[in-house]
Amino acid sequence: MSEPAHLTATRASYDTVAEDYTDLITALFSKEPLGRAMLAAFAELVRSGGGGPVADVGCGPGHVTAHLDALGVSAFGVDLSPAMVAIARRRHPKLRFDVGSMTDLDCVDGELDGLVAWWSIIHTPPDELPALFAEFHRVLAPDGHVLVGFHVGDECLRPERAYGHPVTYAAYRLPPEHIAELLNQAGLRVTAQLLSEGKKCPLACVLARKQI
């Protein structure tokens, strides 16, 4: 069975931009106190619950995975791009990083107490989000938590260049109320939302819990 075209394009693009992307995105993360606050709340919920493993899906260079580890969470990263995973392993050698797709995670049912998708669902076509959130539901334990971050809007962007390199991916800006509805439909009950100002468009974080 052939791989969906959007996965192929996303992998190739991030393999191309990996080094320059890492320099920019890690600097930006250090200037996002509201996003880090949501990650801190997520980590506290995981620690006070089962305290089991947490997957950072679409982890890129591993900065969020490492941040979760510093917050006392047993986190590991998964990314579609081998170049990104190589950087993550080099920068954070004590943590686990795997090449893989968040659409088909190498986890048994109910294995995870938490899952973070930090600006990584933006390359998933909107009509495929229900299947993606069903996969998140599958790998989460009962009462497990999921935190999703994304750009706010209702449009598809197809940049020709990003981070100083040619790219071929599509990037979607998404309505928070629609993402909340899809998570609820997948059995992931929304428990908190954050809407904050971004340089080019608003940013959203949605926290949800797997219903028992």
Protein backbone atom coordinates (compact mmCIF):
# COMPACT_ATOMS: atom_id res chain seq x y z
CA MET A 1 0.00 0.00 0.00
CA SER A 2 1.46 3.35 -1.06
CA GLU A 3 2.07 6.10 1.47
CA PRO A 4 -0.29 9.12 1.44
CA ALA A 5 1.19 11.95 -0.59
CA HIS A 6 1.04 14.44 2.30
CA LEU A 7 3.27 12.23 4.44
CA THR A 8 5.85 11.88 1.66
CA ALA A 9 5.88 15.65 1.06
CA THR A 10 6.12 16.45 4.77
CA ARG A 11 9.01 14.03 5.35
CA ALA A 12 10.98 15.28 2.35
CA SER A 13 10.43 18.93 3.28
CA TYR A 14 11.51 18.54 6.91
CA ASP A 15 14.52 16.45 5.93
CA THR A 16 15.52 19.43 3.78
CA VAL A 17 14.95 22.19 6.34
CA ALA A 18 15.96 20.26 9.47
CA GLU A 19 19.07 22.19 10.56
CA ASP A 20 17.70 25.70 9.91
CA TYR A 21 14.29 24.77 11.33
CA THR A 22 15.96 23.61 14.55
CA ASP A 23 17.79 26.89 15.08
CA LEU A 24 14.63 28.95 14.62
CA ILE A 25 12.05 26.82 16.38
CA THR A 26 14.05 26.22 19.54
CA ALA A 27 14.63 29.98 19.88
CA LEU A 28 10.91 30.66 19.40
CA PHE A 29 9.94 28.04 21.98
CA SER A 30 11.96 29.86 24.63
CA LYS A 31 9.77 32.94 24.00
CA GLU A 32 6.38 31.18 24.33
CA PRO A 33 5.46 31.35 28.06
CA LEU A 34 1.78 30.60 27.47
CA GLY A 35 2.52 27.48 25.46
CA ARG A 36 5.00 26.31 28.07
CA ALA A 37 2.34 26.92 30.74
CA MET A 38 -0.02 24.54 28.92
CA LEU A 39 2.76 21.96 28.72
CA ALA A 40 3.38 22.39 32.47
CA ALA A 41 -0.31 21.82 33.22
CA PHE A 42 -0.32 18.77 30.95
CA ALA A 43 2.76 17.36 32.68
CA GLU A 44 1.23 17.87 36.13
CA LEU A 45 -1.92 16.04 35.07
CA VAL A 46 0.12 13.13 33.73
CA ARG A 47 2.26 12.93 36.87
CA SER A 48 -0.79 13.00 39.14
CA GLY A 49 -2.48 10.29 37.07
CA GLY A 50 -0.81 7.14 35.90
CA GLY A 51 2.61 8.76 35.44
CA GLY A 52 3.30 6.48 32.49
CA PRO A 53 4.95 7.21 29.16
CA VAL A 54 4.15 10.24 27.03
CA ALA A 55 4.63 10.45 23.26
CA ASP A 56 5.64 13.74 21.66
CA VAL A 57 4.40 13.10 18.12
CA GLY A 58 5.89 15.17 15.34
CA CYS A 59 8.69 15.97 17.79
CA GLY A 60 11.05 17.62 15.32
CA PRO A 61 14.43 18.32 16.97
CA GLY A 62 13.16 17.13 20.34
CA HIS A 63 12.97 20.42 22.24
CA VAL A 64 9.44 19.76 23.54
CA THR A 65 10.32 16.17 24.42
CA ALA A 66 13.27 17.45 26.45
CA HIS A 67 11.09 20.10 28.09
CA LEU A 68 8.59 17.44 29.15
CA ASP A 69 11.43 15.33 30.52
CA ALA A 70 12.58 18.33 32.58
CA LEU A 71 9.02 18.60 33.93
CA GLY A 72 9.28 15.07 35.31
CA VAL A 73 7.43 13.26 32.52
CA SER A 74 8.67 10.02 30.95
CA ALA A 75 8.60 11.39 27.40
CA PHE A 76 9.82 10.04 24.09
CA GLY A 77 9.64 11.57 20.62
CA VAL A 78 8.35 10.34 17.27
CA ASP A 79 8.88 12.13 13.96
CA LEU A 80 8.32 11.36 10.31
CA SER A 81 11.64 12.94 9.28
CA PRO A 82 14.81 10.87 9.79
CA ALA A 83 16.87 14.08 9.65
CA MET A 84 14.85 15.58 12.50
CA VAL A 85 15.18 12.42 14.57
CA ALA A 86 18.95 12.42 13.98
CA ILE A 87 19.16 15.99 15.32
CA ALA A 88 16.95 15.14 18.31
CA ARG A 89 19.13 12.16 19.20
CA ARG A 90 22.28 14.27 18.88
CA ARG A 91 20.93 17.13 20.99
CA HIS A 92 19.25 14.93 23.63
CA PRO A 93 21.22 11.67 23.72
CA LYS A 94 19.61 10.42 26.95
CA LEU A 95 16.09 10.48 25.50
CA ARG A 96 14.36 8.13 23.08
CA PHE A 97 13.45 9.26 19.58
CA ASP A 98 11.91 7.08 16.88
CA VAL A 99 11.24 7.58 13.19
CA GLY A 100 7.54 7.00 12.61
CA SER A 101 4.18 8.48 11.72
CA MET A 102 1.66 9.76 14.23
CA THR A 103 -1.01 8.30 11.96
CA ASP A 104 0.20 4.77 12.82
CA LEU A 105 2.02 4.80 16.14
CA ASP A 106 4.09 1.83 17.24
CA CYS A 107 2.26 1.56 20.56
CA VAL A 108 -0.11 -1.06 21.91
CA ASP A 109 -3.64 -0.02 22.80
CA GLY A 110 -3.77 2.05 25.98
CA GLU A 111 0.01 2.21 26.37
CA LEU A 112 0.39 5.95 26.95
CA ASP A 113 -0.67 8.19 29.80
CA GLY A 114 -0.15 11.25 27.62
CA LEU A 115 0.36 12.44 24.07
CA VAL A 116 1.50 15.84 22.79
CA ALA A 117 1.08 17.01 19.20
CA TRP A 118 2.85 20.37 19.31
CA TRP A 119 2.18 22.15 16.01
CA SER A 120 2.43 18.81 14.22
CA ILE A 121 -1.18 18.23 13.11
CA ILE A 122 -0.92 21.25 10.79
CA HIS A 123 0.24 19.13 7.84
CA THR A 124 -2.62 16.63 8.15
CA PRO A 125 -5.46 17.25 5.67
CA PRO A 126 -8.53 18.28 7.70
CA ASP A 127 -10.63 15.39 6.41
CA GLU A 128 -8.05 12.98 7.87
CA LEU A 129 -8.08 14.48 11.36
CA PRO A 130 -10.87 12.18 12.65
CA ALA A 131 -8.73 9.14 11.84
CA LEU A 132 -5.69 10.79 13.43
CA PHE A 133 -7.56 11.57 16.64
CA ALA A 134 -8.91 8.00 16.68
CA GLU A 135 -5.28 6.83 16.66
CA PHE A 136 -4.51 9.16 19.58
CA HIS A 137 -7.49 7.67 21.44
CA ARG A 138 -6.30 4.13 20.71
CA VAL A 139 -2.84 4.55 22.24
CA LEU A 140 -3.99 6.48 25.33
CA ALA A 141 -4.82 4.75 28.59
CA PRO A 142 -8.19 5.53 30.21
CA ASP A 143 -8.01 9.06 31.65
CA GLY A 144 -4.87 9.70 29.58
CA HIS A 145 -4.31 13.28 28.42
CA VAL A 146 -3.64 14.76 24.99
CA LEU A 147 -2.40 18.28 24.23
CA VAL A 148 -2.67 19.64 20.69
CA GLY A 149 -1.17 22.93 19.48
CA PHE A 150 -1.88 24.54 16.10
CA HIS A 151 -2.28 27.75 14.11
CA VAL A 152 -5.77 29.26 14.08
CA GLY A 153 -7.71 29.97 10.89
CA ASP A 154 -9.55 28.16 8.14
CA GLU A 155 -7.24 27.93 5.15
CA CYS A 156 -4.59 25.82 3.46
CA LEU A 157 -1.17 27.36 2.80
CA ARG A 158 1.19 25.89 0.22
CA PRO A 159 4.52 27.67 0.63
CA GLU A 160 7.22 27.15 -1.95
CA ARG A 161 9.98 27.98 0.52
CA ALA A 162 10.32 27.77 4.30
CA TYR A 163 13.27 28.19 6.67
CA GLY A 164 15.42 29.18 3.68
CA HIS A 165 14.71 26.06 1.62
CA PRO A 166 12.22 24.79 -0.98
CA VAL A 167 9.34 22.78 0.51
CA THR A 168 6.36 20.91 -0.90
CA TYR A 169 4.08 20.44 2.11
CA ALA A 170 0.67 21.95 2.78
CA ALA A 171 0.06 23.71 6.10
CA TYR A 172 -3.44 24.10 7.52
CA ARG A 173 -4.77 26.78 9.84
CA LEU A 174 -7.58 25.27 11.86
CA PRO A 175 -10.64 26.56 13.77
CA PRO A 176 -10.28 25.72 17.51
CA GLU A 177 -13.98 24.95 17.90
CA HIS A 178 -13.75 22.39 15.07
CA ILE A 179 -10.68 20.72 16.58
CA ALA A 180 -12.45 20.57 19.96
CA GLU A 181 -15.48 18.99 18.31
CA LEU A 182 -13.37 16.37 16.51
CA LEU A 183 -11.51 15.49 19.71
CA ASN A 184 -14.80 15.07 21.57
CA GLN A 185 -16.15 12.89 18.77
CA ALA A 186 -13.04 10.70 19.07
CA GLY A 187 -13.74 10.12 22.77
CA LEU A 188 -11.23 12.73 23.92
CA ARG A 189 -13.16 15.14 26.12
CA VAL A 190 -11.85 18.69 25.95
CA THR A 191 -10.92 20.02 29.40
CA ALA A 192 -9.11 23.31 28.61
CA GLN A 193 -8.34 25.62 25.72
CA LEU A 194 -5.88 28.47 25.22
CA LEU A 195 -6.05 31.07 22.45
CA SER A 196 -3.08 33.41 22.20
CA GLU A 197 -1.66 36.00 19.86
CA GLY A 198 0.86 34.95 17.22
CA LYS A 199 3.01 36.98 14.83
CA LYS A 200 1.06 35.93 11.72
CA CYS A 201 -2.13 34.39 13.15
CA PRO A 202 -3.57 33.35 16.53
CA LEU A 203 -2.28 30.21 18.20
CA ALA A 204 -4.35 27.59 20.01
CA CYS A 205 -3.70 24.80 22.49
CA VAL A 206 -6.42 22.28 23.29
CA LEU A 207 -6.14 19.88 26.22
CA ALA A 208 -8.34 16.78 26.34
CA ARG A 209 -8.71 13.56 28.34
CA LYS A 210 -9.63 10.09 27.15
CA GLN A 211 -13.05 9.18 28.40
CA ILE A 212 -13.40 5.91 30.29
